Amino acid sequence: MKPPGTRAIDTKQRVLVATGLLSVLLAGLFTLTAYSHVQATLASIRENTRQLEAENRSLDLLRELEQGLQQNSVEAARLEQLIPPGEEQARLLAQLVLAARENGVDIIRLEFSPAKITPDSIGEIEIDLILSGLYQDIKSCLRTLTTGQRLLAMNAVELTKREPDIATMTQAQVKLTAYFLPDAVTVASEEQSMPKP
């Protein structure tokens, strides 16, 4: 038999060992819970980072689009000054293209200078045009342009051969002035929009 005090020591030791094991298990459980929470937080941070990066790319694209829009607006404003206002633009271009097409001539280059418009006078615009085709077709096209619906004055014509080996193909560099009434479109549109008595 064991002395009576020995058993108490064994129980105390068992309680201490059990308490130590329980402490280690609780610490491990706490560590595991904390680790799981940290992993979930890291995953959330990674997802938020991906979303922010995607939003930053979207914002960068929007900035680029805004810059492009501003540049296009500036270019559009510059082009609007080169051609007559409103419906006059479409009419003038249609007249030039139709005359070239009807006469079998290609338009190689078409440039407009800024329209000269004053409130009390007729507007005018200078046109530089390069046509390509047979001599007689170019001649017919120029006649069509100068006798068409719009008053077009021919300021200069310079004919050159397009290719040295082809005697019949030529190019014509033409300078024209187109005239139009600046207020005619405005007056016509106002008259159409006014109620009739």
N, C-alpha and C. Protein backbone atom coordinates (compact mmCIF):
# COMPACT_ATOMS: atom_id res chain seq x y z
N MET A 1 0.78 -1.17 0.00
CA MET A 1 0.00 0.00 0.00
C MET A 1 0.84 1.26 0.00
N LYS A 2 0.25 2.26 -0.50
CA LYS A 2 0.97 3.52 -0.61
C LYS A 2 0.68 4.36 0.61
N PRO A 3 1.59 5.15 0.95
CA PRO A 3 1.33 6.05 2.06
C PRO A 3 0.18 6.98 1.70
N PRO A 4 -0.60 7.42 2.71
CA PRO A 4 -1.78 8.22 2.43
C PRO A 4 -1.48 9.53 1.69
N GLY A 5 -0.42 10.18 1.82
CA GLY A 5 -0.13 11.47 1.15
C GLY A 5 0.24 11.29 -0.31
N THR A 6 0.55 10.11 -0.72
CA THR A 6 1.00 9.87 -2.08
C THR A 6 -0.15 9.99 -3.07
N ARG A 7 -1.27 9.51 -2.65
CA ARG A 7 -2.41 9.55 -3.53
C ARG A 7 -2.80 10.99 -3.83
N ALA A 8 -2.73 11.86 -2.88
CA ALA A 8 -3.08 13.25 -3.07
C ALA A 8 -2.12 13.90 -4.05
N ILE A 9 -0.88 13.48 -3.99
CA ILE A 9 0.10 14.06 -4.91
C ILE A 9 -0.21 13.60 -6.32
N ASP A 10 -0.58 12.37 -6.47
CA ASP A 10 -0.89 11.86 -7.80
C ASP A 10 -2.11 12.59 -8.38
N THR A 11 -3.10 12.88 -7.60
CA THR A 11 -4.28 13.57 -8.07
C THR A 11 -3.93 15.01 -8.43
N LYS A 12 -3.09 15.64 -7.62
CA LYS A 12 -2.68 17.01 -7.92
C LYS A 12 -1.89 17.04 -9.22
N GLN A 13 -1.04 16.05 -9.37
CA GLN A 13 -0.25 16.01 -10.60
C GLN A 13 -1.16 15.78 -11.81
N ARG A 14 -2.13 14.92 -11.63
CA ARG A 14 -3.05 14.65 -12.73
C ARG A 14 -3.86 15.91 -13.09
N VAL A 15 -4.29 16.63 -12.07
CA VAL A 15 -5.05 17.85 -12.31
C VAL A 15 -4.17 18.87 -13.01
N LEU A 16 -2.92 19.00 -12.58
CA LEU A 16 -1.98 19.93 -13.23
C LEU A 16 -1.73 19.52 -14.67
N VAL A 17 -1.51 18.26 -14.89
CA VAL A 17 -1.27 17.78 -16.26
C VAL A 17 -2.52 18.00 -17.11
N ALA A 18 -3.69 17.68 -16.56
CA ALA A 18 -4.94 17.87 -17.31
C ALA A 18 -5.16 19.34 -17.59
N THR A 19 -4.87 20.20 -16.61
CA THR A 19 -5.01 21.64 -16.81
C THR A 19 -4.04 22.12 -17.88
N GLY A 20 -2.83 21.62 -17.86
CA GLY A 20 -1.83 22.00 -18.87
C GLY A 20 -2.26 21.57 -20.25
N LEU A 21 -2.77 20.31 -20.34
CA LEU A 21 -3.23 19.82 -21.64
C LEU A 21 -4.44 20.64 -22.13
N LEU A 22 -5.34 20.93 -21.20
CA LEU A 22 -6.50 21.73 -21.56
C LEU A 22 -6.08 23.12 -22.02
N SER A 23 -5.09 23.70 -21.36
CA SER A 23 -4.57 25.03 -21.76
C SER A 23 -3.95 24.96 -23.15
N VAL A 24 -3.19 23.90 -23.40
CA VAL A 24 -2.57 23.74 -24.72
C VAL A 24 -3.64 23.56 -25.78
N LEU A 25 -4.67 22.77 -25.51
CA LEU A 25 -5.76 22.57 -26.46
C LEU A 25 -6.52 23.87 -26.71
N LEU A 26 -6.80 24.62 -25.63
CA LEU A 26 -7.48 25.90 -25.80
C LEU A 26 -6.63 26.88 -26.59
N ALA A 27 -5.34 26.91 -26.31
CA ALA A 27 -4.43 27.80 -27.05
C ALA A 27 -4.40 27.40 -28.53
N GLY A 28 -4.35 26.09 -28.79
CA GLY A 28 -4.37 25.61 -30.17
C GLY A 28 -5.66 25.95 -30.87
N LEU A 29 -6.78 25.77 -30.17
CA LEU A 29 -8.08 26.11 -30.73
C LEU A 29 -8.18 27.60 -31.02
N PHE A 30 -7.70 28.41 -30.09
CA PHE A 30 -7.71 29.87 -30.28
C PHE A 30 -6.84 30.24 -31.48
N THR A 31 -5.66 29.63 -31.56
CA THR A 31 -4.74 29.90 -32.67
C THR A 31 -5.37 29.49 -34.00
N LEU A 32 -6.01 28.33 -34.01
CA LEU A 32 -6.66 27.85 -35.23
C LEU A 32 -7.79 28.78 -35.64
N THR A 33 -8.60 29.24 -34.69
CA THR A 33 -9.68 30.17 -34.97
C THR A 33 -9.13 31.50 -35.49
N ALA A 34 -8.09 31.99 -34.83
CA ALA A 34 -7.47 33.25 -35.25
C ALA A 34 -6.88 33.10 -36.65
N TYR A 35 -6.24 31.96 -36.94
CA TYR A 35 -5.63 31.71 -38.24
C TYR A 35 -6.72 31.68 -39.32
N SER A 36 -7.83 31.01 -39.03
CA SER A 36 -8.95 30.95 -39.98
C SER A 36 -9.50 32.35 -40.24
N HIS A 37 -9.63 33.14 -39.19
CA HIS A 37 -10.12 34.51 -39.33
C HIS A 37 -9.14 35.35 -40.16
N VAL A 38 -7.85 35.19 -39.92
CA VAL A 38 -6.82 35.91 -40.69
C VAL A 38 -6.88 35.50 -42.15
N GLN A 39 -7.05 34.19 -42.42
CA GLN A 39 -7.13 33.73 -43.81
C GLN A 39 -8.36 34.31 -44.51
N ALA A 40 -9.49 34.33 -43.80
CA ALA A 40 -10.71 34.91 -44.39
C ALA A 40 -10.52 36.39 -44.65
N THR A 41 -9.87 37.10 -43.72
CA THR A 41 -9.61 38.53 -43.89
C THR A 41 -8.68 38.76 -45.08
N LEU A 42 -7.63 37.94 -45.20
CA LEU A 42 -6.70 38.07 -46.34
C LEU A 42 -7.41 37.81 -47.67
N ALA A 43 -8.28 36.81 -47.71
CA ALA A 43 -9.03 36.53 -48.94
C ALA A 43 -9.92 37.71 -49.29
N SER A 44 -10.55 38.30 -48.27
CA SER A 44 -11.39 39.47 -48.50
C SER A 44 -10.56 40.65 -49.00
N ILE A 45 -9.39 40.84 -48.42
CA ILE A 45 -8.50 41.93 -48.85
C ILE A 45 -8.05 41.71 -50.29
N ARG A 46 -7.71 40.46 -50.65
CA ARG A 46 -7.30 40.16 -52.03
C ARG A 46 -8.43 40.47 -53.02
N GLU A 47 -9.65 40.06 -52.66
CA GLU A 47 -10.80 40.31 -53.53
C GLU A 47 -11.04 41.81 -53.68
N ASN A 48 -10.98 42.55 -52.57
CA ASN A 48 -11.15 44.00 -52.63
C ASN A 48 -10.07 44.64 -53.47
N THR A 49 -8.83 44.14 -53.36
CA THR A 49 -7.72 44.67 -54.16
C THR A 49 -7.99 44.44 -55.65
N ARG A 50 -8.47 43.23 -56.01
CA ARG A 50 -8.78 42.95 -57.42
C ARG A 50 -9.88 43.88 -57.92
N GLN A 51 -10.90 44.11 -57.10
CA GLN A 51 -11.99 44.99 -57.50
C GLN A 51 -11.50 46.43 -57.67
N LEU A 52 -10.64 46.89 -56.76
CA LEU A 52 -10.11 48.25 -56.87
C LEU A 52 -9.22 48.40 -58.10
N GLU A 53 -8.43 47.37 -58.40
CA GLU A 53 -7.58 47.42 -59.60
C GLU A 53 -8.45 47.47 -60.85
N ALA A 54 -9.53 46.68 -60.86
CA ALA A 54 -10.44 46.71 -62.01
C ALA A 54 -11.09 48.09 -62.14
N GLU A 55 -11.49 48.68 -61.01
CA GLU A 55 -12.07 50.02 -61.05
C GLU A 55 -11.05 51.05 -61.50
N ASN A 56 -9.80 50.90 -61.08
CA ASN A 56 -8.75 51.83 -61.53
C ASN A 56 -8.54 51.72 -63.03
N ARG A 57 -8.56 50.47 -63.56
CA ARG A 57 -8.42 50.31 -65.01
C ARG A 57 -9.60 50.97 -65.72
N SER A 58 -10.79 50.79 -65.16
CA SER A 58 -11.98 51.42 -65.75
C SER A 58 -11.86 52.94 -65.72
N LEU A 59 -11.39 53.48 -64.60
CA LEU A 59 -11.21 54.93 -64.50
C LEU A 59 -10.15 55.42 -65.49
N ASP A 60 -9.08 54.66 -65.66
CA ASP A 60 -8.06 55.04 -66.64
C ASP A 60 -8.65 55.06 -68.04
N LEU A 61 -9.46 54.04 -68.36
CA LEU A 61 -10.10 54.02 -69.68
C LEU A 61 -11.05 55.19 -69.86
N LEU A 62 -11.80 55.52 -68.80
CA LEU A 62 -12.69 56.68 -68.89
C LEU A 62 -11.92 57.97 -69.12
N ARG A 63 -10.79 58.11 -68.42
CA ARG A 63 -9.96 59.31 -68.63
C ARG A 63 -9.46 59.39 -70.07
N GLU A 64 -9.02 58.22 -70.61
CA GLU A 64 -8.56 58.20 -71.99
C GLU A 64 -9.69 58.56 -72.94
N LEU A 65 -10.88 58.01 -72.68
CA LEU A 65 -12.03 58.34 -73.52
C LEU A 65 -12.39 59.82 -73.45
N GLU A 66 -12.33 60.39 -72.25
CA GLU A 66 -12.61 61.82 -72.11
C GLU A 66 -11.61 62.66 -72.88
N GLN A 67 -10.32 62.27 -72.80
CA GLN A 67 -9.30 63.01 -73.55
C GLN A 67 -9.55 62.88 -75.04
N GLY A 68 -9.88 61.65 -75.49
CA GLY A 68 -10.17 61.45 -76.90
C GLY A 68 -11.39 62.25 -77.34
N LEU A 69 -12.40 62.30 -76.48
CA LEU A 69 -13.59 63.08 -76.79
C LEU A 69 -13.27 64.56 -76.91
N GLN A 70 -12.43 65.06 -76.00
CA GLN A 70 -12.03 66.47 -76.07
C GLN A 70 -11.26 66.75 -77.35
N GLN A 71 -10.34 65.83 -77.70
CA GLN A 71 -9.57 66.02 -78.94
C GLN A 71 -10.49 65.97 -80.15
N ASN A 72 -11.44 65.02 -80.13
CA ASN A 72 -12.38 64.92 -81.25
C ASN A 72 -13.28 66.14 -81.33
N SER A 73 -13.66 66.69 -80.19
CA SER A 73 -14.48 67.90 -80.19
C SER A 73 -13.72 69.07 -80.80
N VAL A 74 -12.45 69.19 -80.45
CA VAL A 74 -11.62 70.25 -81.02
C VAL A 74 -11.49 70.05 -82.52
N GLU A 75 -11.26 68.81 -82.96
CA GLU A 75 -11.12 68.52 -84.38
C GLU A 75 -12.44 68.77 -85.11
N ALA A 76 -13.55 68.38 -84.49
CA ALA A 76 -14.86 68.61 -85.10
C ALA A 76 -15.14 70.10 -85.24
N ALA A 77 -14.78 70.87 -84.23
CA ALA A 77 -14.97 72.33 -84.31
C ALA A 77 -14.14 72.92 -85.43
N ARG A 78 -12.90 72.43 -85.58
CA ARG A 78 -12.04 72.91 -86.66
C ARG A 78 -12.65 72.55 -88.02
N LEU A 79 -13.15 71.33 -88.15
CA LEU A 79 -13.75 70.91 -89.42
C LEU A 79 -15.02 71.68 -89.73
N GLU A 80 -15.81 71.99 -88.70
CA GLU A 80 -17.03 72.75 -88.93
C GLU A 80 -16.73 74.14 -89.49
N GLN A 81 -15.59 74.70 -89.12
CA GLN A 81 -15.23 76.02 -89.65
C GLN A 81 -14.76 75.93 -91.10
N LEU A 82 -14.38 74.73 -91.53
CA LEU A 82 -13.87 74.58 -92.88
C LEU A 82 -14.97 74.44 -93.92
N ILE A 83 -16.18 74.17 -93.50
CA ILE A 83 -17.24 73.91 -94.45
C ILE A 83 -18.45 74.79 -94.12
N PRO A 84 -19.30 75.03 -95.08
CA PRO A 84 -20.45 75.89 -94.84
C PRO A 84 -21.34 75.31 -93.74
N PRO A 85 -22.07 76.16 -93.06
CA PRO A 85 -22.89 75.70 -91.94
C PRO A 85 -24.12 74.92 -92.38
N GLY A 86 -24.62 74.09 -91.47
CA GLY A 86 -25.90 73.42 -91.62
C GLY A 86 -26.01 72.57 -92.87
N GLU A 87 -27.14 72.71 -93.53
CA GLU A 87 -27.44 71.90 -94.70
C GLU A 87 -26.54 72.24 -95.88
N GLU A 88 -25.93 73.41 -95.85
CA GLU A 88 -25.06 73.80 -96.96
C GLU A 88 -23.90 72.82 -97.13
N GLN A 89 -23.39 72.31 -96.01
CA GLN A 89 -22.29 71.35 -96.05
C GLN A 89 -22.69 70.13 -96.87
N ALA A 90 -23.81 69.54 -96.53
CA ALA A 90 -24.25 68.33 -97.21
C ALA A 90 -24.52 68.60 -98.69
N ARG A 91 -25.13 69.73 -98.97
CA ARG A 91 -25.44 70.06 -100.37
C ARG A 91 -24.17 70.23 -101.21
N LEU A 92 -23.18 70.92 -100.65
CA LEU A 92 -21.95 71.16 -101.38
C LEU A 92 -21.21 69.84 -101.62
N LEU A 93 -21.08 69.04 -100.60
CA LEU A 93 -20.41 67.74 -100.77
C LEU A 93 -21.16 66.86 -101.76
N ALA A 94 -22.48 66.85 -101.66
CA ALA A 94 -23.28 66.04 -102.57
C ALA A 94 -23.09 66.51 -104.01
N GLN A 95 -23.04 67.82 -104.21
CA GLN A 95 -22.85 68.35 -105.56
C GLN A 95 -21.50 67.93 -106.13
N LEU A 96 -20.45 68.01 -105.32
CA LEU A 96 -19.11 67.64 -105.78
C LEU A 96 -19.03 66.15 -106.10
N VAL A 97 -19.53 65.32 -105.19
CA VAL A 97 -19.45 63.87 -105.38
C VAL A 97 -20.31 63.43 -106.55
N LEU A 98 -21.52 63.98 -106.67
CA LEU A 98 -22.41 63.62 -107.76
C LEU A 98 -21.82 64.00 -109.13
N ALA A 99 -21.24 65.18 -109.21
CA ALA A 99 -20.63 65.60 -110.48
C ALA A 99 -19.49 64.67 -110.86
N ALA A 100 -18.68 64.28 -109.90
CA ALA A 100 -17.56 63.37 -110.18
C ALA A 100 -18.09 62.01 -110.61
N ARG A 101 -19.07 61.49 -109.89
CA ARG A 101 -19.60 60.16 -110.20
C ARG A 101 -20.28 60.14 -111.57
N GLU A 102 -21.09 61.16 -111.87
CA GLU A 102 -21.81 61.21 -113.15
C GLU A 102 -20.86 61.26 -114.33
N ASN A 103 -19.68 61.80 -114.13
CA ASN A 103 -18.74 61.98 -115.24
C ASN A 103 -17.59 60.96 -115.21
N GLY A 104 -17.65 59.97 -114.32
CA GLY A 104 -16.63 58.92 -114.28
C GLY A 104 -15.27 59.41 -113.81
N VAL A 105 -15.28 60.36 -112.90
CA VAL A 105 -14.04 60.96 -112.40
C VAL A 105 -13.89 60.58 -110.92
N ASP A 106 -12.65 60.33 -110.51
CA ASP A 106 -12.37 60.03 -109.10
C ASP A 106 -11.91 61.29 -108.39
N ILE A 107 -12.41 61.50 -107.16
CA ILE A 107 -11.92 62.60 -106.33
C ILE A 107 -10.77 62.04 -105.51
N ILE A 108 -9.56 62.55 -105.75
CA ILE A 108 -8.37 62.09 -105.06
C ILE A 108 -8.19 62.85 -103.75
N ARG A 109 -8.43 64.14 -103.78
CA ARG A 109 -8.29 64.97 -102.57
C ARG A 109 -9.34 66.06 -102.62
N LEU A 110 -9.86 66.36 -101.42
CA LEU A 110 -10.87 67.40 -101.30
C LEU A 110 -10.60 68.14 -100.00
N GLU A 111 -10.26 69.42 -100.11
CA GLU A 111 -9.97 70.23 -98.92
C GLU A 111 -10.76 71.52 -98.98
N PHE A 112 -11.29 71.90 -97.83
CA PHE A 112 -12.03 73.15 -97.70
C PHE A 112 -11.24 74.13 -96.86
N SER A 113 -11.27 75.38 -97.23
CA SER A 113 -10.71 76.43 -96.37
C SER A 113 -11.83 76.90 -95.45
N PRO A 114 -11.51 77.63 -94.39
CA PRO A 114 -12.58 78.12 -93.51
C PRO A 114 -13.58 78.99 -94.28
N ALA A 115 -14.85 78.79 -93.96
CA ALA A 115 -15.90 79.56 -94.62
C ALA A 115 -15.79 81.02 -94.20
N LYS A 116 -15.94 81.91 -95.17
CA LYS A 116 -15.95 83.35 -94.89
C LYS A 116 -17.40 83.79 -94.88
N ILE A 117 -17.88 84.09 -93.67
CA ILE A 117 -19.29 84.43 -93.52
C ILE A 117 -19.39 85.75 -92.76
N THR A 118 -20.13 86.68 -93.34
CA THR A 118 -20.46 87.92 -92.63
C THR A 118 -21.97 88.05 -92.66
N PRO A 119 -22.57 88.65 -91.64
CA PRO A 119 -24.04 88.70 -91.56
C PRO A 119 -24.71 89.39 -92.74
N ASP A 120 -24.07 90.37 -93.34
CA ASP A 120 -24.73 91.15 -94.39
C ASP A 120 -24.27 90.79 -95.80
N SER A 121 -23.54 89.68 -95.95
CA SER A 121 -23.06 89.36 -97.29
C SER A 121 -23.23 87.87 -97.59
N ILE A 122 -22.87 87.52 -98.80
CA ILE A 122 -22.93 86.13 -99.23
C ILE A 122 -21.70 85.41 -98.69
N GLY A 123 -21.91 84.19 -98.18
CA GLY A 123 -20.79 83.40 -97.67
C GLY A 123 -20.03 82.76 -98.81
N GLU A 124 -18.77 82.49 -98.56
CA GLU A 124 -17.98 81.81 -99.58
C GLU A 124 -16.97 80.88 -98.91
N ILE A 125 -16.60 79.88 -99.68
CA ILE A 125 -15.62 78.91 -99.19
C ILE A 125 -14.73 78.48 -100.34
N GLU A 126 -13.44 78.42 -100.05
CA GLU A 126 -12.46 77.99 -101.06
C GLU A 126 -12.35 76.46 -101.00
N ILE A 127 -12.27 75.84 -102.17
CA ILE A 127 -12.17 74.38 -102.25
C ILE A 127 -10.96 74.03 -103.11
N ASP A 128 -10.09 73.17 -102.56
CA ASP A 128 -8.99 72.59 -103.35
C ASP A 128 -9.38 71.17 -103.65
N LEU A 129 -9.31 70.81 -104.92
CA LEU A 129 -9.84 69.54 -105.37
C LEU A 129 -8.85 68.92 -106.35
N ILE A 130 -8.58 67.63 -106.18
CA ILE A 130 -7.78 66.92 -107.18
C ILE A 130 -8.67 65.83 -107.76
N LEU A 131 -8.85 65.88 -109.07
CA LEU A 131 -9.67 64.92 -109.79
C LEU A 131 -8.76 64.05 -110.65
N SER A 132 -9.19 62.81 -110.87
CA SER A 132 -8.41 61.89 -111.70
C SER A 132 -9.36 61.21 -112.67
N GLY A 133 -8.96 61.15 -113.93
CA GLY A 133 -9.79 60.50 -114.94
C GLY A 133 -9.32 60.85 -116.34
N LEU A 134 -10.14 60.54 -117.30
CA LEU A 134 -9.84 60.90 -118.68
C LEU A 134 -10.04 62.41 -118.85
N TYR A 135 -9.30 62.97 -119.79
CA TYR A 135 -9.35 64.42 -120.00
C TYR A 135 -10.79 64.89 -120.25
N GLN A 136 -11.49 64.22 -121.18
CA GLN A 136 -12.84 64.68 -121.51
C GLN A 136 -13.80 64.50 -120.33
N ASP A 137 -13.59 63.49 -119.48
CA ASP A 137 -14.44 63.30 -118.30
C ASP A 137 -14.19 64.40 -117.27
N ILE A 138 -12.93 64.77 -117.09
CA ILE A 138 -12.61 65.86 -116.16
C ILE A 138 -13.22 67.17 -116.66
N LYS A 139 -13.09 67.41 -117.97
CA LYS A 139 -13.67 68.63 -118.56
C LYS A 139 -15.18 68.66 -118.35
N SER A 140 -15.85 67.54 -118.55
CA SER A 140 -17.30 67.45 -118.37
C SER A 140 -17.67 67.65 -116.89
N CYS A 141 -16.88 67.10 -115.98
CA CYS A 141 -17.12 67.23 -114.54
C CYS A 141 -17.02 68.70 -114.12
N LEU A 142 -16.00 69.40 -114.60
CA LEU A 142 -15.83 70.81 -114.26
C LEU A 142 -16.98 71.65 -114.81
N ARG A 143 -17.44 71.32 -116.01
CA ARG A 143 -18.58 72.03 -116.58
C ARG A 143 -19.83 71.79 -115.72
N THR A 144 -20.03 70.54 -115.30
CA THR A 144 -21.17 70.22 -114.44
C THR A 144 -21.12 71.01 -113.13
N LEU A 145 -19.91 71.09 -112.54
CA LEU A 145 -19.76 71.81 -111.27
C LEU A 145 -20.08 73.29 -111.42
N THR A 146 -19.59 73.91 -112.49
CA THR A 146 -19.76 75.36 -112.64
C THR A 146 -21.14 75.74 -113.16
N THR A 147 -21.91 74.77 -113.68
CA THR A 147 -23.26 75.10 -114.17
C THR A 147 -24.34 74.43 -113.31
N GLY A 148 -23.97 73.93 -112.14
CA GLY A 148 -24.91 73.22 -111.28
C GLY A 148 -25.78 74.15 -110.47
N GLN A 149 -26.42 73.60 -109.42
CA GLN A 149 -27.34 74.35 -108.58
C GLN A 149 -26.65 75.46 -107.80
N ARG A 150 -25.47 75.21 -107.34
CA ARG A 150 -24.75 76.19 -106.51
C ARG A 150 -23.82 77.01 -107.42
N LEU A 151 -23.64 78.25 -107.03
CA LEU A 151 -22.70 79.11 -107.75
C LEU A 151 -21.28 78.73 -107.33
N LEU A 152 -20.56 78.13 -108.27
CA LEU A 152 -19.17 77.74 -108.04
C LEU A 152 -18.31 78.45 -109.09
N ALA A 153 -17.32 79.15 -108.63
CA ALA A 153 -16.40 79.83 -109.54
C ALA A 153 -15.10 79.05 -109.58
N MET A 154 -14.61 78.81 -110.81
CA MET A 154 -13.35 78.10 -110.97
C MET A 154 -12.23 79.14 -110.97
N ASN A 155 -11.33 79.06 -110.00
CA ASN A 155 -10.24 80.02 -109.87
C ASN A 155 -8.99 79.57 -110.60
N ALA A 156 -8.72 78.27 -110.61
CA ALA A 156 -7.51 77.76 -111.28
C ALA A 156 -7.68 76.28 -111.59
N VAL A 157 -7.06 75.86 -112.69
CA VAL A 157 -7.04 74.44 -113.07
C VAL A 157 -5.64 74.13 -113.57
N GLU A 158 -5.08 73.06 -113.06
CA GLU A 158 -3.76 72.62 -113.53
C GLU A 158 -3.86 71.14 -113.86
N LEU A 159 -3.63 70.80 -115.12
CA LEU A 159 -3.73 69.41 -115.58
C LEU A 159 -2.35 68.78 -115.65
N THR A 160 -2.25 67.56 -115.20
CA THR A 160 -0.99 66.79 -115.30
C THR A 160 -1.34 65.36 -115.64
N LYS A 161 -0.39 64.67 -116.28
CA LYS A 161 -0.57 63.24 -116.54
C LYS A 161 -0.41 62.48 -115.24
N ARG A 162 -1.29 61.52 -115.03
CA ARG A 162 -1.19 60.74 -113.79
C ARG A 162 -0.04 59.75 -113.87
N GLU A 163 0.10 59.09 -115.01
CA GLU A 163 1.21 58.17 -115.21
C GLU A 163 1.81 58.48 -116.58
N PRO A 164 3.13 58.51 -116.67
CA PRO A 164 3.75 58.89 -117.95
C PRO A 164 3.39 57.97 -119.10
N ASP A 165 3.14 56.70 -118.84
CA ASP A 165 2.87 55.75 -119.92
C ASP A 165 1.44 55.81 -120.44
N ILE A 166 0.54 56.37 -119.65
CA ILE A 166 -0.86 56.40 -120.05
C ILE A 166 -1.20 57.84 -120.45
N ALA A 167 -1.28 58.07 -121.72
CA ALA A 167 -1.47 59.44 -122.22
C ALA A 167 -2.88 59.96 -121.95
N THR A 168 -3.84 59.08 -121.83
CA THR A 168 -5.22 59.55 -121.68
C THR A 168 -5.61 59.84 -120.22
N MET A 169 -4.92 59.26 -119.23
CA MET A 169 -5.27 59.48 -117.82
C MET A 169 -4.58 60.74 -117.32
N THR A 170 -5.36 61.61 -116.75
CA THR A 170 -4.80 62.87 -116.24
C THR A 170 -5.33 63.14 -114.84
N GLN A 171 -4.68 64.09 -114.20
CA GLN A 171 -5.14 64.61 -112.92
C GLN A 171 -5.34 66.10 -113.10
N ALA A 172 -6.37 66.62 -112.44
CA ALA A 172 -6.63 68.05 -112.49
C ALA A 172 -6.64 68.58 -111.06
N GLN A 173 -5.77 69.54 -110.81
CA GLN A 173 -5.78 70.23 -109.52
C GLN A 173 -6.61 71.49 -109.73
N VAL A 174 -7.74 71.56 -108.99
CA VAL A 174 -8.73 72.61 -109.24
C VAL A 174 -8.92 73.43 -107.97
N LYS A 175 -9.00 74.73 -108.14
CA LYS A 175 -9.34 75.64 -107.03
C LYS A 175 -10.67 76.28 -107.38
N LEU A 176 -11.64 76.06 -106.48
CA LEU A 176 -13.00 76.58 -106.67
C LEU A 176 -13.38 77.48 -105.51
N THR A 177 -14.34 78.34 -105.75
CA THR A 177 -14.97 79.11 -104.68
C THR A 177 -16.46 78.83 -104.76
N ALA A 178 -17.03 78.37 -103.63
CA ALA A 178 -18.47 78.11 -103.55
C ALA A 178 -19.11 79.27 -102.81
N TYR A 179 -20.25 79.72 -103.29
CA TYR A 179 -20.98 80.83 -102.67
C TYR A 179 -22.31 80.32 -102.13
N PHE A 180 -22.74 80.88 -101.01
CA PHE A 180 -24.01 80.50 -100.42
C PHE A 180 -24.53 81.64 -99.56
N LEU A 181 -25.82 81.63 -99.32
CA LEU A 181 -26.44 82.63 -98.45
C LEU A 181 -26.40 82.08 -97.03
N PRO A 182 -25.65 82.73 -96.12
CA PRO A 182 -25.52 82.20 -94.76
C PRO A 182 -26.83 82.13 -94.01
N ASP A 183 -27.75 83.04 -94.26
CA ASP A 183 -29.00 83.07 -93.51
C ASP A 183 -30.11 82.28 -94.18
N ALA A 184 -29.88 81.79 -95.38
CA ALA A 184 -30.96 81.12 -96.12
C ALA A 184 -31.45 79.89 -95.37
N VAL A 185 -30.57 79.11 -94.83
CA VAL A 185 -30.96 77.90 -94.11
C VAL A 185 -31.68 78.27 -92.83
N THR A 186 -31.15 79.25 -92.12
CA THR A 186 -31.76 79.67 -90.85
C THR A 186 -33.16 80.22 -91.09
N VAL A 187 -33.31 81.07 -92.12
CA VAL A 187 -34.62 81.65 -92.42
C VAL A 187 -35.60 80.57 -92.82
N ALA A 188 -35.19 79.63 -93.65
CA ALA A 188 -36.08 78.56 -94.11
C ALA A 188 -36.52 77.68 -92.94
N SER A 189 -35.60 77.35 -92.04
CA SER A 189 -35.97 76.49 -90.92
C SER A 189 -36.88 77.24 -89.93
N GLU A 190 -36.69 78.56 -89.78
CA GLU A 190 -37.56 79.33 -88.90
C GLU A 190 -38.96 79.42 -89.48
N GLU A 191 -39.06 79.60 -90.81
CA GLU A 191 -40.36 79.69 -91.45
C GLU A 191 -41.12 78.37 -91.31
N GLN A 192 -40.43 77.24 -91.41
CA GLN A 192 -41.08 75.95 -91.29
C GLN A 192 -41.54 75.70 -89.85
N SER A 193 -40.82 76.20 -88.87
CA SER A 193 -41.17 75.94 -87.48
C SER A 193 -42.25 76.88 -86.95
N MET A 194 -42.52 77.99 -87.65
CA MET A 194 -43.54 78.94 -87.19
C MET A 194 -44.93 78.40 -87.51
N PRO A 195 -45.89 78.54 -86.56
CA PRO A 195 -47.26 78.08 -86.84
C PRO A 195 -47.92 78.97 -87.89
N LYS A 196 -48.72 78.35 -88.74
CA LYS A 196 -49.42 79.11 -89.78
C LYS A 196 -50.74 79.61 -89.22
N PRO A 197 -51.11 80.88 -89.53
CA PRO A 197 -52.36 81.45 -89.00
C PRO A 197 -53.58 80.83 -89.62
